[in-house]
Protein backbone atom coordinates (compact mmCIF):
# COMPACT_ATOMS: atom_id res chain seq x y z
CA MET A 1 29.96 -38.43 -88.50
CA PRO A 2 27.79 -38.48 -91.85
CA THR A 3 24.51 -36.47 -91.49
CA ASN A 4 21.05 -38.91 -92.15
CA SER A 5 21.19 -37.64 -95.99
CA ASP A 6 24.92 -38.17 -96.28
CA ILE A 7 23.71 -42.16 -95.37
CA VAL A 8 20.50 -42.00 -98.12
CA GLU A 9 22.89 -40.69 -100.90
CA ARG A 10 25.71 -43.70 -100.34
CA LEU A 11 22.51 -46.36 -100.56
CA TYR A 12 21.29 -44.28 -103.10
CA GLN A 13 24.92 -44.82 -105.48
CA THR A 14 25.07 -47.96 -104.43
CA ILE A 15 21.73 -48.78 -105.54
CA SER A 16 22.68 -46.97 -108.73
CA GLY A 17 25.59 -48.64 -109.19
CA ARG A 18 23.49 -52.05 -109.59
CA LYS A 19 21.59 -51.17 -112.37
CA GLY A 20 22.54 -53.80 -115.11
CA GLY A 21 24.25 -55.80 -112.48
CA ASP A 22 24.06 -59.22 -112.29
CA PRO A 23 20.85 -60.57 -111.46
CA GLU A 24 21.98 -63.43 -109.80
CA THR A 25 24.97 -62.13 -107.33
CA SER A 26 22.77 -58.84 -106.48
CA TYR A 27 19.18 -58.65 -105.13
CA THR A 28 19.04 -55.24 -106.07
CA ALA A 29 20.32 -55.84 -109.62
CA LYS A 30 17.84 -58.76 -109.31
CA LEU A 31 15.00 -56.20 -108.66
CA PHE A 32 15.98 -53.79 -111.09
CA SER A 33 15.71 -56.53 -113.77
CA ARG A 34 12.00 -57.45 -113.00
CA GLY A 35 11.00 -53.61 -113.65
CA ARG A 36 9.21 -51.16 -112.43
CA GLY A 37 5.87 -52.65 -111.58
CA LYS A 38 7.86 -55.63 -109.27
CA ILE A 39 9.78 -52.69 -107.41
CA ALA A 40 6.92 -50.78 -106.94
CA GLN A 41 4.98 -54.10 -105.84
CA LYS A 42 7.72 -54.32 -103.38
CA VAL A 43 7.80 -50.79 -101.32
CA GLY A 44 4.01 -51.77 -101.21
CA GLU A 45 4.58 -54.51 -99.32
CA GLU A 46 6.99 -53.07 -97.49
CA SER A 47 4.67 -50.29 -96.30
CA VAL A 48 1.73 -53.04 -95.22
CA GLU A 49 5.12 -54.26 -93.11
CA THR A 50 6.22 -50.54 -91.53
CA VAL A 51 2.27 -50.58 -90.62
CA ILE A 52 1.99 -54.12 -89.46
CA ALA A 53 4.88 -53.05 -87.00
CA ALA A 54 3.36 -49.77 -86.17
CA LEU A 55 0.36 -51.46 -85.02
CA SER A 56 1.20 -55.10 -83.13
CA GLU A 57 4.93 -55.08 -83.30
CA THR A 58 8.35 -53.41 -80.92
CA PRO A 59 10.21 -50.12 -82.49
CA GLU A 60 13.17 -52.79 -83.51
CA ARG A 61 10.45 -54.38 -86.07
CA VAL A 62 9.69 -50.93 -86.99
CA ILE A 63 12.80 -49.87 -87.95
CA SER A 64 13.81 -53.44 -89.49
CA GLU A 65 10.79 -52.82 -91.31
CA SER A 66 11.55 -49.09 -92.13
CA ALA A 67 14.60 -49.66 -92.94
CA ASP A 68 13.55 -51.71 -95.59
CA LEU A 69 11.06 -50.26 -97.04
CA LEU A 70 13.43 -46.85 -97.31
CA TYR A 71 15.29 -49.33 -99.24
CA HIS A 72 13.06 -50.69 -101.57
CA LEU A 73 11.67 -46.34 -102.12
CA LEU A 74 15.21 -45.71 -103.04
CA VAL A 75 14.74 -48.45 -105.22
CA LEU A 76 12.16 -46.85 -106.82
CA TRP A 77 13.37 -43.69 -106.86
CA ALA A 78 16.83 -45.19 -108.73
CA ASP A 79 14.72 -46.52 -111.53
CA CYS A 80 12.17 -43.73 -112.03
CA GLY A 81 15.58 -41.61 -112.16
CA ILE A 82 14.76 -39.49 -109.17
CA ALA A 83 18.15 -38.59 -106.78
CA PRO A 84 16.93 -38.00 -103.53
CA ALA A 85 18.19 -34.46 -103.71
CA ASP A 86 15.05 -33.86 -106.20
CA VAL A 87 12.76 -35.20 -102.78
CA TRP A 88 14.33 -33.17 -100.43
CA ALA A 89 13.82 -29.90 -102.98
CA GLU A 90 9.92 -31.08 -102.27
CA LEU A 91 10.18 -30.80 -98.58
CA GLU A 92 12.00 -28.29 -98.19
CA ARG A 93 8.84 -26.44 -100.83
CA ARG A 94 6.91 -27.47 -98.26
CA GLN A 95 7.93 -26.39 -95.07
CA GLY A 96 6.42 -23.86 -93.65
CA VAL A 97 3.49 -24.33 -95.87
CA SER A 98 -0.23 -25.75 -94.31
CA GLY A 99 -0.83 -29.67 -95.60
CA ILE A 100 -3.90 -29.07 -95.68
CA ALA A 101 -3.81 -25.92 -97.73
CA GLU A 102 -0.66 -27.37 -99.49
CA LYS A 103 -3.14 -30.53 -100.55
CA ASN A 104 -5.89 -28.47 -102.18
CA ALA A 105 -2.87 -26.78 -104.32
CA ARG A 106 -2.40 -29.82 -105.63
CA PRO A 107 -4.07 -30.29 -109.29
CA ARG A 108 -6.74 -32.78 -109.20
């Protein structure tokens, strides 16, 4: 059975493969063709929809909106040249570090 990171990696590879594709036949290719600003906007929209679902809708809606958010975040990562493994490494680096200490250590 595939792990969650395997599923994310497979989806990321599919998304990455759509770069330069036909925007008439692929929503992902259409997002790439519209540029990073539009991709980032979609991440923001999906974030808000996830928050709204969490506050006033069913768990199933939160799941659905979360999947949309993760998909659009992966598109953004691909556009920025960031692989899921890069994010996993950062999460691993932060593991066991106080969230307050980690945040205070960030450059301002």
